[in-house]
């Protein structure tokens, strides 16, 4: 039997591509870097999702400058209040998970997404203690780095990622919202 790390490798590859596409859709040029030192009190957000096969949590943590850079008001030169930044990083987590959800559709994984939450601190060790397999990615925009992490737990004996042509799916039912 394959280890969870091996079974989840395709998921983590899709996660990386989803993150890059999310940055691109926000007009933010980001490149993947190998590591960074998290800043204390950096804004954070997380969002849960699940399918019949998987349970996942996506987390974002990064400096205010990157959060501001992606905020729609920044393109108009408007100042952004702290409460708006807290809401926005939660919305970013939602968008990043939405990108991943869309990528997983052609692999027959249908995620139900929870409500994103912003917070002041994230303890990523919590996910290891509950048995999740984690992948942390770091994306640099300008001089700052945003951390994107995905924590996944397999809920069935074996999980697979078998690609199916998008034509297999009709466009009438794949985009609706489903809440956890």
Protein backbone atom coordinates (compact mmCIF):
# COMPACT_ATOMS: atom_id res chain seq x y z
CA UNK A 1 0.00 0.00 0.00
CA UNK A 2 1.21 3.48 -0.85
CA UNK A 3 2.00 5.94 1.92
CA UNK A 4 -0.32 8.94 2.33
CA UNK A 5 2.52 11.20 1.17
CA UNK A 6 2.79 9.31 -2.13
CA UNK A 7 -1.00 9.13 -2.60
CA UNK A 8 -1.32 12.89 -2.03
CA UNK A 9 1.55 13.98 -4.30
CA UNK A 10 -0.80 14.76 -7.23
CA UNK A 11 -2.97 16.86 -4.90
CA UNK A 12 0.02 18.90 -3.80
CA UNK A 13 1.10 19.45 -7.40
CA UNK A 14 -2.40 20.72 -8.21
CA UNK A 15 -2.23 22.91 -5.10
CA UNK A 16 0.98 24.58 -6.30
CA UNK A 17 -0.51 25.29 -9.73
CA UNK A 18 -3.70 26.59 -8.08
CA UNK A 19 -1.73 29.03 -5.95
CA UNK A 20 0.16 30.41 -8.94
CA UNK A 21 -3.09 30.80 -10.89
CA UNK A 22 -4.74 32.53 -7.92
CA UNK A 23 -1.91 35.07 -7.74
CA UNK A 24 -2.11 35.61 -11.49
CA UNK A 25 -5.88 36.15 -11.36
CA UNK A 26 -5.28 38.85 -8.75
CA UNK A 27 -2.72 40.66 -10.90
CA UNK A 28 0.03 39.80 -8.44
CA UNK A 29 3.31 38.55 -9.84
CA UNK A 30 4.59 35.91 -7.45
CA UNK A 31 7.36 33.35 -7.79
CA UNK A 32 7.82 30.25 -5.72
CA UNK A 33 10.77 30.37 -3.32
CA UNK A 34 12.13 27.61 -1.12
CA UNK A 35 11.72 29.11 2.32
CA UNK A 36 11.10 32.17 4.41
CA UNK A 37 11.08 33.21 8.03
CA UNK A 38 7.51 33.90 9.14
CA UNK A 39 6.95 37.34 10.58
CA UNK A 40 5.33 37.56 13.95
CA UNK A 41 1.77 38.88 13.92
CA UNK A 42 1.44 38.42 10.17
CA UNK A 43 -2.17 38.21 8.99
CA UNK A 44 -3.41 34.63 8.65
CA UNK A 45 -6.46 32.86 7.29
CA UNK A 46 -7.64 29.30 6.85
CA UNK A 47 -10.46 27.42 5.16
CA UNK A 48 -11.62 23.82 5.46
CA UNK A 49 -12.88 21.62 2.66
CA UNK A 50 -13.82 17.99 2.29
CA UNK A 51 -14.88 15.36 -0.18
CA UNK A 52 -15.77 11.73 0.37
CA UNK A 53 -12.07 10.87 0.07
CA UNK A 54 -10.25 13.83 1.61
CA UNK A 55 -10.36 16.38 4.39
CA UNK A 56 -8.24 19.50 3.86
CA UNK A 57 -7.36 22.83 5.37
CA UNK A 58 -5.72 25.57 3.33
CA UNK A 59 -3.84 28.24 5.28
CA UNK A 60 -2.38 31.58 4.23
CA UNK A 61 0.07 33.65 6.24
CA UNK A 62 1.96 36.67 5.10
CA UNK A 63 2.84 40.31 5.41
CA UNK A 64 0.32 43.10 5.12
CA UNK A 65 2.09 44.43 2.02
CA UNK A 66 1.17 41.37 -0.07
CA UNK A 67 -2.38 41.35 1.27
CA UNK A 68 -2.71 45.05 0.35
CA UNK A 69 -1.13 44.45 -3.05
CA UNK A 70 -3.88 42.02 -4.01
CA UNK A 71 -6.76 44.02 -2.50
CA UNK A 72 -9.06 45.63 -5.13
CA UNK A 73 -8.96 49.02 -3.37
CA UNK A 74 -5.17 49.20 -3.75
CA UNK A 75 -5.56 49.53 -7.52
CA UNK A 76 -7.60 52.70 -6.95
CA UNK A 77 -5.03 54.14 -4.55
CA UNK A 78 -7.43 53.96 -1.60
CA UNK A 79 -6.20 53.28 1.92
CA UNK A 80 -7.27 49.96 3.40
CA UNK A 81 -8.43 49.57 6.99
CA UNK A 82 -7.23 46.65 9.16
CA UNK A 83 -10.72 45.11 9.31
CA UNK A 84 -10.82 45.12 5.50
CA UNK A 85 -7.43 43.39 5.38
CA UNK A 86 -8.68 40.71 7.79
CA UNK A 87 -11.71 40.14 5.57
CA UNK A 88 -9.55 40.17 2.46
CA UNK A 89 -7.06 37.52 3.61
CA UNK A 90 -10.05 35.28 4.42
CA UNK A 91 -11.37 35.95 0.91
CA UNK A 92 -7.94 35.10 -0.49
CA UNK A 93 -8.03 31.74 1.31
CA UNK A 94 -11.45 31.18 -0.25
CA UNK A 95 -10.15 32.04 -3.73
CA UNK A 96 -7.10 29.80 -3.39
CA UNK A 97 -9.31 26.90 -2.26
CA UNK A 98 -11.73 27.66 -5.09
CA UNK A 99 -8.89 27.36 -7.60
CA UNK A 100 -7.98 23.97 -6.14
CA UNK A 101 -11.61 22.86 -6.12
CA UNK A 102 -11.91 23.64 -9.82
CA UNK A 103 -8.74 21.72 -10.63
CA UNK A 104 -9.96 18.67 -8.72
CA UNK A 105 -13.22 18.41 -10.66
CA UNK A 106 -11.56 16.64 -13.61
CA UNK A 107 -10.16 14.10 -11.15
CA UNK A 108 -13.67 13.30 -9.83
CA UNK A 109 -13.01 14.95 -6.46
CA UNK A 110 -15.89 17.23 -5.53
CA UNK A 111 -15.05 19.46 -2.60
CA UNK A 112 -17.44 21.09 -0.23
CA UNK A 113 -15.85 24.27 1.06
CA UNK A 114 -16.32 25.79 4.48
CA UNK A 115 -16.32 29.44 5.48
CA UNK A 116 -12.89 31.11 5.54
CA UNK A 117 -11.63 32.54 8.81
CA UNK A 118 -8.99 35.15 9.48
CA UNK A 119 -6.86 34.94 12.60
CA UNK A 120 -3.81 36.45 14.23
CA UNK A 121 -1.74 33.26 14.50
CA UNK A 122 -1.69 29.78 13.04
CA UNK A 123 -0.14 26.73 14.70
CA UNK A 124 0.74 24.50 11.77
CA UNK A 125 1.94 21.77 14.14
CA UNK A 126 -1.71 21.19 15.02
CA UNK A 127 -2.23 19.59 11.61
CA UNK A 128 0.63 17.15 12.12
CA UNK A 129 -0.78 16.12 15.48
CA UNK A 130 -4.11 15.22 13.86
CA UNK A 131 -2.38 13.09 11.22
CA UNK A 132 -2.51 15.39 8.20
CA UNK A 133 0.06 15.35 5.44
CA UNK A 134 1.17 18.94 4.88
CA UNK A 135 2.76 20.92 2.11
CA UNK A 136 4.04 24.44 2.72
CA UNK A 137 4.75 26.67 -0.25
CA UNK A 138 6.26 30.14 -0.23
CA UNK A 139 5.59 32.76 -2.88
CA UNK A 140 7.56 35.98 -3.18
CA UNK A 141 6.12 39.19 -4.55
CA UNK A 142 8.54 42.08 -4.42
CA UNK A 143 10.57 41.79 -1.22
CA UNK A 144 7.85 39.96 0.74
CA UNK A 145 6.82 36.31 0.98
CA UNK A 146 3.38 34.77 1.50
CA UNK A 147 3.09 31.28 2.93
CA UNK A 148 0.43 28.98 1.47
CA UNK A 149 -0.02 25.60 3.09
CA UNK A 150 -2.32 22.68 2.49
CA UNK A 151 -2.99 20.06 5.13
CA UNK A 152 -4.76 16.92 3.92
CA UNK A 153 -6.03 13.74 5.48
CA UNK A 154 -7.14 10.70 3.49
CA UNK A 155 -10.54 9.43 4.64
CA UNK A 156 -10.63 6.20 2.61
CA UNK A 157 -8.23 3.29 2.25
CA UNK A 158 -6.82 4.52 -1.07
CA UNK A 159 -7.23 7.85 -2.81
CA UNK A 160 -6.54 8.26 -6.53
CA UNK A 161 -6.25 11.16 -8.91
CA UNK A 162 -7.25 9.94 -12.36
CA UNK A 163 -7.60 12.68 -14.95
CA UNK A 164 -10.81 12.80 -16.98
CA UNK A 165 -11.26 15.03 -19.99
CA UNK A 166 -13.23 18.20 -19.13
CA UNK A 167 -15.73 17.29 -21.87
CA UNK A 168 -16.88 14.48 -19.59
CA UNK A 169 -18.56 17.08 -17.39
CA UNK A 170 -21.40 19.25 -18.50
CA UNK A 171 -21.22 22.90 -17.58
CA UNK A 172 -24.62 22.97 -15.91
CA UNK A 173 -23.80 21.67 -12.44
CA UNK A 174 -20.12 22.01 -11.65
CA UNK A 175 -19.81 25.55 -10.37
CA UNK A 176 -22.40 25.84 -7.63
CA UNK A 177 -21.54 26.58 -4.05
CA UNK A 178 -21.74 23.78 -1.53
CA UNK A 179 -21.15 24.61 2.09
CA UNK A 180 -19.79 22.22 4.68
